[in-house]
C-alpha atoms as a PDB file:
ATOM      1  CA  UNK A   1     -30.877  48.768  64.212  1.00  0.00           C
ATOM      2  CA  UNK A   2     -33.279  48.390  67.326  1.00  0.00           C
ATOM      3  CA  UNK A   3     -35.894  50.995  67.533  1.00  0.00           C
ATOM      4  CA  UNK A   4     -36.221  54.280  69.894  1.00  0.00           C
ATOM      5  CA  UNK A   5     -39.261  54.068  72.221  1.00  0.00           C
ATOM      6  CA  UNK A   6     -41.025  56.981  72.484  1.00  0.00           C
ATOM      7  CA  UNK A   7     -43.681  56.964  75.642  1.00  0.00           C
ATOM      8  CA  UNK A   8     -46.361  59.392  75.370  1.00  0.00           C
ATOM      9  CA  UNK A   9     -49.242  60.849  77.469  1.00  0.00           C
ATOM     10  CA  UNK A  10     -51.593  62.611  75.427  1.00  0.00           C
ATOM     11  CA  UNK A  11     -52.627  62.513  71.594  1.00  0.00           C
ATOM     12  CA  UNK A  12     -51.874  66.066  71.774  1.00  0.00           C
ATOM     13  CA  UNK A  13     -48.415  65.956  73.205  1.00  0.00           C
ATOM     14  CA  UNK A  14     -46.767  63.719  70.627  1.00  0.00           C
ATOM     15  CA  UNK A  15     -42.804  63.752  69.735  1.00  0.00           C
ATOM     16  CA  UNK A  16     -42.845  66.493  67.381  1.00  0.00           C
ATOM     17  CA  UNK A  17     -39.349  67.043  65.504  1.00  0.00           C
ATOM     18  CA  UNK A  18     -37.640  64.772  67.710  1.00  0.00           C
ATOM     19  CA  UNK A  19     -39.020  61.742  66.088  1.00  0.00           C
ATOM     20  CA  UNK A  20     -37.542  62.543  62.749  1.00  0.00           C
ATOM     21  CA  UNK A  21     -34.386  64.327  63.915  1.00  0.00           C
ATOM     22  CA  UNK A  22     -33.498  61.191  65.893  1.00  0.00           C
ATOM     23  CA  UNK A  23     -32.700  59.289  62.152  1.00  0.00           C
ATOM     24  CA  UNK A  24     -33.522  56.256  63.502  1.00  0.00           C
ATOM     25  CA  UNK A  25     -37.133  53.575  63.856  1.00  0.00           C
ATOM     26  CA  UNK A  26     -39.436  54.333  66.549  1.00  0.00           C
ATOM     27  CA  UNK A  27     -41.892  52.757  68.130  1.00  0.00           C
ATOM     28  CA  UNK A  28     -44.557  55.017  70.185  1.00  0.00           C
ATOM     29  CA  UNK A  29     -46.665  53.895  72.989  1.00  0.00           C
ATOM     30  CA  UNK A  30     -48.903  55.353  75.240  1.00  0.00           C
ATOM     31  CA  UNK A  31     -49.069  53.361  78.838  1.00  0.00           C
ATOM     32  CA  UNK A  32     -50.090  55.968  81.350  1.00  0.00           C
ATOM     33  CA  UNK A  33     -53.411  54.604  82.311  1.00  0.00           C
ATOM     34  CA  UNK A  34     -52.553  50.798  81.953  1.00  0.00           C
ATOM     35  CA  UNK A  35     -52.466  48.677  85.027  1.00  0.00           C
ATOM     36  CA  UNK A  36     -49.796  45.983  83.159  1.00  0.00           C
ATOM     37  CA  UNK A  37     -48.078  48.113  80.455  1.00  0.00           C
ATOM     38  CA  UNK A  38     -46.369  45.868  77.944  1.00  0.00           C
ATOM     39  CA  UNK A  39     -43.329  47.352  77.568  1.00  0.00           C
ATOM     40  CA  UNK A  40     -40.577  46.071  75.524  1.00  0.00           C
ATOM     41  CA  UNK A  41     -37.304  44.844  77.519  1.00  0.00           C
ATOM     42  CA  UNK A  42     -34.229  46.932  77.225  1.00  0.00           C
ATOM     43  CA  UNK A  43     -32.026  44.895  74.685  1.00  0.00           C
ATOM     44  CA  UNK A  44     -35.092  45.574  72.220  1.00  0.00           C
ATOM     45  CA  UNK A  45     -34.715  49.261  72.153  1.00  0.00           C
ATOM     46  CA  UNK A  46     -31.445  51.556  71.219  1.00  0.00           C
ATOM     47  CA  UNK A  47     -32.930  54.351  73.388  1.00  0.00           C
ATOM     48  CA  UNK A  48     -36.045  56.428  75.096  1.00  0.00           C
ATOM     49  CA  UNK A  49     -37.542  59.612  75.048  1.00  0.00           C
ATOM     50  CA  UNK A  50     -40.703  60.194  77.376  1.00  0.00           C
ATOM     51  CA  UNK A  51     -42.656  63.395  76.510  1.00  0.00           C
ATOM     52  CA  UNK A  52     -44.893  65.653  78.145  1.00  0.00           C
ATOM     53  CA  UNK A  53     -48.295  65.123  79.762  1.00  0.00           C
ATOM     54  CA  UNK A  54     -50.952  67.271  82.264  1.00  0.00           C
ATOM     55  CA  UNK A  55     -50.567  64.666  84.973  1.00  0.00           C
ATOM     56  CA  UNK A  56     -48.012  64.697  88.256  1.00  0.00           C
ATOM     57  CA  UNK A  57     -45.829  62.194  87.783  1.00  0.00           C
ATOM     58  CA  UNK A  58     -46.387  60.726  90.878  1.00  0.00           C
ATOM     59  CA  UNK A  59     -50.198  60.476  90.379  1.00  0.00           C
ATOM     60  CA  UNK A  60     -51.131  56.962  91.242  1.00  0.00           C
ATOM     61  CA  UNK A  61     -54.635  57.430  89.026  1.00  0.00           C
ATOM     62  CA  UNK A  62     -51.901  56.926  85.956  1.00  0.00           C
ATOM     63  CA  UNK A  63     -50.726  53.227  87.262  1.00  0.00           C
ATOM     64  CA  UNK A  64     -48.631  53.067  83.897  1.00  0.00           C
ATOM     65  CA  UNK A  65     -46.509  55.890  85.433  1.00  0.00           C
ATOM     66  CA  UNK A  66     -44.938  54.034  87.879  1.00  0.00           C
ATOM     67  CA  UNK A  67     -44.090  51.125  84.880  1.00  0.00           C
ATOM     68  CA  UNK A  68     -42.529  54.465  83.014  1.00  0.00           C
ATOM     69  CA  UNK A  69     -40.281  55.312  86.299  1.00  0.00           C
ATOM     70  CA  UNK A  70     -39.042  51.692  86.564  1.00  0.00           C
ATOM     71  CA  UNK A  71     -38.101  51.617  82.815  1.00  0.00           C
ATOM     72  CA  UNK A  72     -36.461  54.844  82.890  1.00  0.00           C
ATOM     73  CA  UNK A  73     -34.066  53.701  85.968  1.00  0.00           C
ATOM     74  CA  UNK A  74     -33.551  50.221  84.453  1.00  0.00           C
ATOM     75  CA  UNK A  75     -32.922  51.526  81.153  1.00  0.00           C
ATOM     76  CA  UNK A  76     -30.279  54.486  82.975  1.00  0.00           C
ATOM     77  CA  UNK A  77     -28.561  51.464  84.899  1.00  0.00           C
ATOM     78  CA  UNK A  78     -27.955  49.775  81.593  1.00  0.00           C
ATOM     79  CA  UNK A  79     -26.576  53.042  80.083  1.00  0.00           C
ATOM     80  CA  UNK A  80     -29.147  53.105  77.938  1.00  0.00           C
ATOM     81  CA  UNK A  81     -29.562  56.709  76.073  1.00  0.00           C
ATOM     82  CA  UNK A  82     -33.269  58.406  77.903  1.00  0.00           C
ATOM     83  CA  UNK A  83     -34.221  61.824  76.987  1.00  0.00           C
ATOM     84  CA  UNK A  84     -37.208  62.832  79.144  1.00  0.00           C
ATOM     85  CA  UNK A  85     -39.078  66.437  77.909  1.00  0.00           C
ATOM     86  CA  UNK A  86     -41.249  68.218  80.718  1.00  0.00           C
ATOM     87  CA  UNK A  87     -43.511  65.520  82.406  1.00  0.00           C
ATOM     88  CA  UNK A  88     -40.739  63.124  81.254  1.00  0.00           C
ATOM     89  CA  UNK A  89     -38.222  65.330  82.698  1.00  0.00           C
ATOM     90  CA  UNK A  90     -40.317  64.786  86.197  1.00  0.00           C
ATOM     91  CA  UNK A  91     -40.605  61.311  85.597  1.00  0.00           C
ATOM     92  CA  UNK A  92     -36.817  60.556  84.824  1.00  0.00           C
ATOM     93  CA  UNK A  93     -35.895  63.005  88.644  1.00  0.00           C
ATOM     94  CA  UNK A  94     -38.245  60.656  90.469  1.00  0.00           C
ATOM     95  CA  UNK A  95     -37.134  57.526  88.786  1.00  0.00           C
ATOM     96  CA  UNK A  96     -33.468  58.167  90.019  1.00  0.00           C
ATOM     97  CA  UNK A  97     -33.998  59.557  93.073  1.00  0.00           C
ATOM     98  CA  UNK A  98     -35.175  63.198  93.181  1.00  0.00           C
ATOM     99  CA  UNK A  99     -38.125  64.626  94.481  1.00  0.00           C
ATOM    100  CA  UNK A 100     -40.915  66.491  92.760  1.00  0.00           C
ATOM    101  CA  UNK A 101     -42.747  69.693  93.924  1.00  0.00           C
ATOM    102  CA  UNK A 102     -46.426  69.918  93.036  1.00  0.00           C
ATOM    103  CA  UNK A 103     -47.668  73.327  91.926  1.00  0.00           C
ATOM    104  CA  UNK A 104     -43.920  75.068  92.232  1.00  0.00           C
ATOM    105  CA  UNK A 105     -44.226  77.685  89.563  1.00  0.00           C
ATOM    106  CA  UNK A 106     -46.089  78.368  86.657  1.00  0.00           C
ATOM    107  CA  UNK A 107     -44.405  78.766  83.494  1.00  0.00           C
ATOM    108  CA  UNK A 108     -46.509  78.777  80.303  1.00  0.00           C
ATOM    109  CA  UNK A 109     -45.171  80.452  77.251  1.00  0.00           C
ATOM    110  CA  UNK A 110     -41.829  81.664  75.380  1.00  0.00           C
ATOM    111  CA  UNK A 111     -39.139  83.013  77.760  1.00  0.00           C
ATOM    112  CA  UNK A 112     -35.486  82.222  78.205  1.00  0.00           C
ATOM    113  CA  UNK A 113     -33.674  79.791  79.779  1.00  0.00           C
ATOM    114  CA  UNK A 114     -29.723  79.849  81.523  1.00  0.00           C
ATOM    115  CA  UNK A 115     -27.766  77.176  80.660  1.00  0.00           C
ATOM    116  CA  UNK A 116     -25.479  77.054  83.468  1.00  0.00           C
ATOM    117  CA  UNK A 117     -23.031  73.879  82.159  1.00  0.00           C
ATOM    118  CA  UNK A 118     -21.759  72.570  78.955  1.00  0.00           C
ATOM    119  CA  UNK A 119     -23.152  69.588  77.573  1.00  0.00           C
ATOM    120  CA  UNK A 120     -22.654  68.012  73.947  1.00  0.00           C
ATOM    121  CA  UNK A 121     -26.272  67.523  73.430  1.00  0.00           C
ATOM    122  CA  UNK A 122     -27.562  70.725  75.526  1.00  0.00           C
ATOM    123  CA  UNK A 123     -25.339  73.454  74.923  1.00  0.00           C
ATOM    124  CA  UNK A 124     -26.305  73.646  70.831  1.00  0.00           C
ATOM    125  CA  UNK A 125     -29.403  75.438  71.643  1.00  0.00           C
ATOM    126  CA  UNK A 126     -27.109  78.490  73.087  1.00  0.00           C
ATOM    127  CA  UNK A 127     -26.377  79.914  76.550  1.00  0.00           C
ATOM    128  CA  UNK A 128     -29.902  81.438  76.971  1.00  0.00           C
ATOM    129  CA  UNK A 129     -32.055  80.165  74.468  1.00  0.00           C
ATOM    130  CA  UNK A 130     -35.883  81.401  74.230  1.00  0.00           C
ATOM    131  CA  UNK A 131     -38.180  78.228  74.637  1.00  0.00           C
ATOM    132  CA  UNK A 132     -41.554  77.152  75.257  1.00  0.00           C
ATOM    133  CA  UNK A 133     -42.283  76.188  78.630  1.00  0.00           C
ATOM    134  CA  UNK A 134     -45.715  74.590  79.874  1.00  0.00           C
ATOM    135  CA  UNK A 135     -45.850  73.404  83.399  1.00  0.00           C
ATOM    136  CA  UNK A 136     -46.337  73.951  87.260  1.00  0.00           C
ATOM    137  CA  UNK A 137     -44.828  71.023  88.663  1.00  0.00           C
ATOM    138  CA  UNK A 138     -41.097  71.261  88.836  1.00  0.00           C
ATOM    139  CA  UNK A 139     -38.228  68.212  90.064  1.00  0.00           C
ATOM    140  CA  UNK A 140     -35.575  68.570  92.549  1.00  0.00           C
ATOM    141  CA  UNK A 141     -31.696  67.687  91.434  1.00  0.00           C
ATOM    142  CA  UNK A 142     -31.260  64.103  91.605  1.00  0.00           C
ATOM    143  CA  UNK A 143     -27.911  63.041  93.454  1.00  0.00           C
ATOM    144  CA  UNK A 144     -25.249  62.826  91.499  1.00  0.00           C
ATOM    145  CA  UNK A 145     -26.524  64.679  88.497  1.00  0.00           C
ATOM    146  CA  UNK A 146     -24.985  67.735  86.857  1.00  0.00           C
ATOM    147  CA  UNK A 147     -27.321  71.089  86.064  1.00  0.00           C
ATOM    148  CA  UNK A 148     -27.718  71.899  83.326  1.00  0.00           C
ATOM    149  CA  UNK A 149     -30.262  74.724  83.200  1.00  0.00           C
ATOM    150  CA  UNK A 150     -31.956  77.070  85.440  1.00  0.00           C
ATOM    151  CA  UNK A 151     -34.911  79.557  85.441  1.00  0.00           C
ATOM    152  CA  UNK A 152     -35.908  81.849  88.608  1.00  0.00           C
ATOM    153  CA  UNK A 153     -39.279  79.885  88.491  1.00  0.00           C
ATOM    154  CA  UNK A 154     -37.791  76.585  88.381  1.00  0.00           C
ATOM    155  CA  UNK A 155     -34.063  75.764  89.583  1.00  0.00           C
ATOM    156  CA  UNK A 156     -33.855  72.727  87.479  1.00  0.00           C
ATOM    157  CA  UNK A 157     -34.503  73.378  84.112  1.00  0.00           C
ATOM    158  CA  UNK A 158     -32.589  70.650  82.352  1.00  0.00           C
ATOM    159  CA  UNK A 159     -29.971  68.029  84.192  1.00  0.00           C
ATOM    160  CA  UNK A 160     -27.852  64.856  82.973  1.00  0.00           C
ATOM    161  CA  UNK A 161     -26.903  62.101  84.954  1.00  0.00           C
ATOM    162  CA  UNK A 162     -25.303  58.816  82.703  1.00  0.00           C
ATOM    163  CA  UNK A 163     -27.183  58.302  79.796  1.00  0.00           C
ATOM    164  CA  UNK A 164     -30.407  59.893  80.789  1.00  0.00           C
ATOM    165  CA  UNK A 165     -30.584  64.197  79.642  1.00  0.00           C
ATOM    166  CA  UNK A 166     -34.108  65.370  80.785  1.00  0.00           C
ATOM    167  CA  UNK A 167     -35.619  69.046  79.719  1.00  0.00           C
ATOM    168  CA  UNK A 168     -38.093  70.742  81.687  1.00  0.00           C
ATOM    169  CA  UNK A 169     -39.174  72.862  78.994  1.00  0.00           C
ATOM    170  CA  UNK A 170     -40.203  72.065  75.344  1.00  0.00           C
ATOM    171  CA  UNK A 171     -37.469  71.786  72.321  1.00  0.00           C
ATOM    172  CA  UNK A 172     -40.128  69.359  70.294  1.00  0.00           C
ATOM    173  CA  UNK A 173     -42.543  71.959  69.216  1.00  0.00           C
ATOM    174  CA  UNK A 174     -42.925  72.772  65.199  1.00  0.00           C
ATOM    175  CA  UNK A 175     -45.541  75.118  64.218  1.00  0.00           C
ATOM    176  CA  UNK A 176     -48.125  72.633  63.585  1.00  0.00           C
ATOM    177  CA  UNK A 177     -47.826  71.255  67.089  1.00  0.00           C
ATOM    178  CA  UNK A 178     -47.856  74.776  69.074  1.00  0.00           C
ATOM    179  CA  UNK A 179     -51.418  75.533  67.147  1.00  0.00           C
ATOM    180  CA  UNK A 180     -52.631  71.800  67.974  1.00  0.00           C
ATOM    181  CA  UNK A 181     -51.612  72.739  71.569  1.00  0.00           C
ATOM    182  CA  UNK A 182     -53.479  76.335  71.664  1.00  0.00           C
ATOM    183  CA  UNK A 183     -56.525  74.836  70.129  1.00  0.00           C
ATOM    184  CA  UNK A 184     -56.425  72.208  72.768  1.00  0.00           C
ATOM    185  CA  UNK A 185     -59.025  73.398  75.387  1.00  0.00           C
ATOM    186  CA  UNK A 186     -56.661  70.758  77.979  1.00  0.00           C
ATOM    187  CA  UNK A 187     -53.690  73.026  77.352  1.00  0.00           C
ATOM    188  CA  UNK A 188     -55.481  76.379  77.234  1.00  0.00           C
ATOM    189  CA  UNK A 189     -58.411  76.251  79.669  1.00  0.00           C
ATOM    190  CA  UNK A 190     -56.423  78.303  82.264  1.00  0.00           C
ATOM    191  CA  UNK A 191     -55.068  80.968  79.513  1.00  0.00           C
ATOM    192  CA  UNK A 192     -57.084  84.038  78.113  1.00  0.00           C
ATOM    193  CA  UNK A 193     -57.439  84.935  74.768  1.00  0.00           C
ATOM    194  CA  UNK A 194     -54.585  87.689  75.158  1.00  0.00           C
ATOM    195  CA  UNK A 195     -52.190  85.045  76.712  1.00  0.00           C
ATOM    196  CA  UNK A 196     -53.315  82.835  73.643  1.00  0.00           C
ATOM    197  CA  UNK A 197     -52.465  84.972  70.697  1.00  0.00           C
ATOM    198  CA  UNK A 198     -49.346  86.257  72.958  1.00  0.00           C
ATOM    199  CA  UNK A 199     -48.054  82.663  72.857  1.00  0.00           C
ATOM    200  CA  UNK A 200     -48.840  82.182  68.909  1.00  0.00           C
ATOM    201  CA  UNK A 201     -47.147  85.651  68.573  1.00  0.00           C
ATOM    202  CA  UNK A 202     -44.248  84.002  70.040  1.00  0.00           C
ATOM    203  CA  UNK A 203     -44.191  81.033  68.635  1.00  0.00           C
ATOM    204  CA  UNK A 204     -44.263  82.899  64.959  1.00  0.00           C
ATOM    205  CA  UNK A 205     -41.061  85.106  66.188  1.00  0.00           C
ATOM    206  CA  UNK A 206     -39.000  82.472  68.034  1.00  0.00           C
ATOM    207  CA  UNK A 207     -40.110  78.743  66.718  1.00  0.00           C
ATOM    208  CA  UNK A 208     -37.725  79.428  63.069  1.00  0.00           C
ATOM    209  CA  UNK A 209     -34.631  79.978  64.548  1.00  0.00           C
ATOM    210  CA  UNK A 210     -35.377  77.734  67.383  1.00  0.00           C
ATOM    211  CA  UNK A 211     -35.946  74.444  65.440  1.00  0.00           C
ATOM    212  CA  UNK A 212     -32.768  73.660  63.976  1.00  0.00           C
ATOM    213  CA  UNK A 213     -31.295  73.980  67.132  1.00  0.00           C
ATOM    214  CA  UNK A 214     -33.882  71.889  68.470  1.00  0.00           C
ATOM    215  CA  UNK A 215     -32.828  69.413  65.633  1.00  0.00           C
ATOM    216  CA  UNK A 216     -29.300  69.777  66.590  1.00  0.00           C
ATOM    217  CA  UNK A 217     -29.631  68.654  70.117  1.00  0.00           C
ATOM    218  CA  UNK A 218     -31.690  65.959  69.036  1.00  0.00           C
ATOM    219  CA  UNK A 219     -29.285  64.721  66.400  1.00  0.00           C
ATOM    220  CA  UNK A 220     -26.471  65.173  69.612  1.00  0.00           C
ATOM    221  CA  UNK A 221     -29.104  62.446  71.380  1.00  0.00           C
ATOM    222  CA  UNK A 222     -29.138  60.468  68.193  1.00  0.00           C
ATOM    223  CA  UNK A 223     -25.357  60.007  68.509  1.00  0.00           C
ATOM    224  CA  UNK A 224     -26.184  58.059  72.054  1.00  0.00           C
ATOM    225  CA  UNK A 225     -28.364  56.494  70.433  1.00  0.00           C
ATOM    226  CA  UNK A 226     -26.846  55.135  67.200  1.00  0.00           C
ATOM    227  CA  UNK A 227     -23.506  54.373  69.121  1.00  0.00           C
ATOM    228  CA  UNK A 228     -25.996  51.469  70.816  1.00  0.00           C
ATOM    229  CA  UNK A 229     -27.498  50.408  67.862  1.00  0.00           C
END
């Protein structure tokens, strides 16, 4: 089976539970700062996963982002399964014709998201799952995409377009990964100690139930990956 390519943008924002839940070989690459990233051809991969990061999806200080957007667009055109998370969602949105709104609205911490349409992968999370949010930017719905989830602050929390599924929130978190985020200054520099402890407490409350649903969500995406082979 061809590997799934996972693109990361920061050491602490890895694939989390996504990689093992894919039940497929994976290649993890970080090319965000490269002027000429060496990315595999589409016929060398069975799927593409694009993770989060602190930069803006259109920030030209990180030239690798343009190559990622190009790869995403070509992957969707070729019907390669694509999953975008947080920054990854924004990159998918831009690649498919959406628009980025910088500093649209801050959502950090565990809070519900409204699932507004049926989807074979996303619907396994439930109608109003409590998930982890960690973003300021937002992306508009690309032309032809189906809106899947929303919040009052961020109207486009998830969408599907062709072979691409994109989520603004974070289903990949496991307790150890959340602990890493809460001890990483880049993640917490704008948070007070009380806010950090509230997120930690909410993680202990919600992650035990969220993790199995998140694995089922990734499993549904993995079905698409296996079909490509």
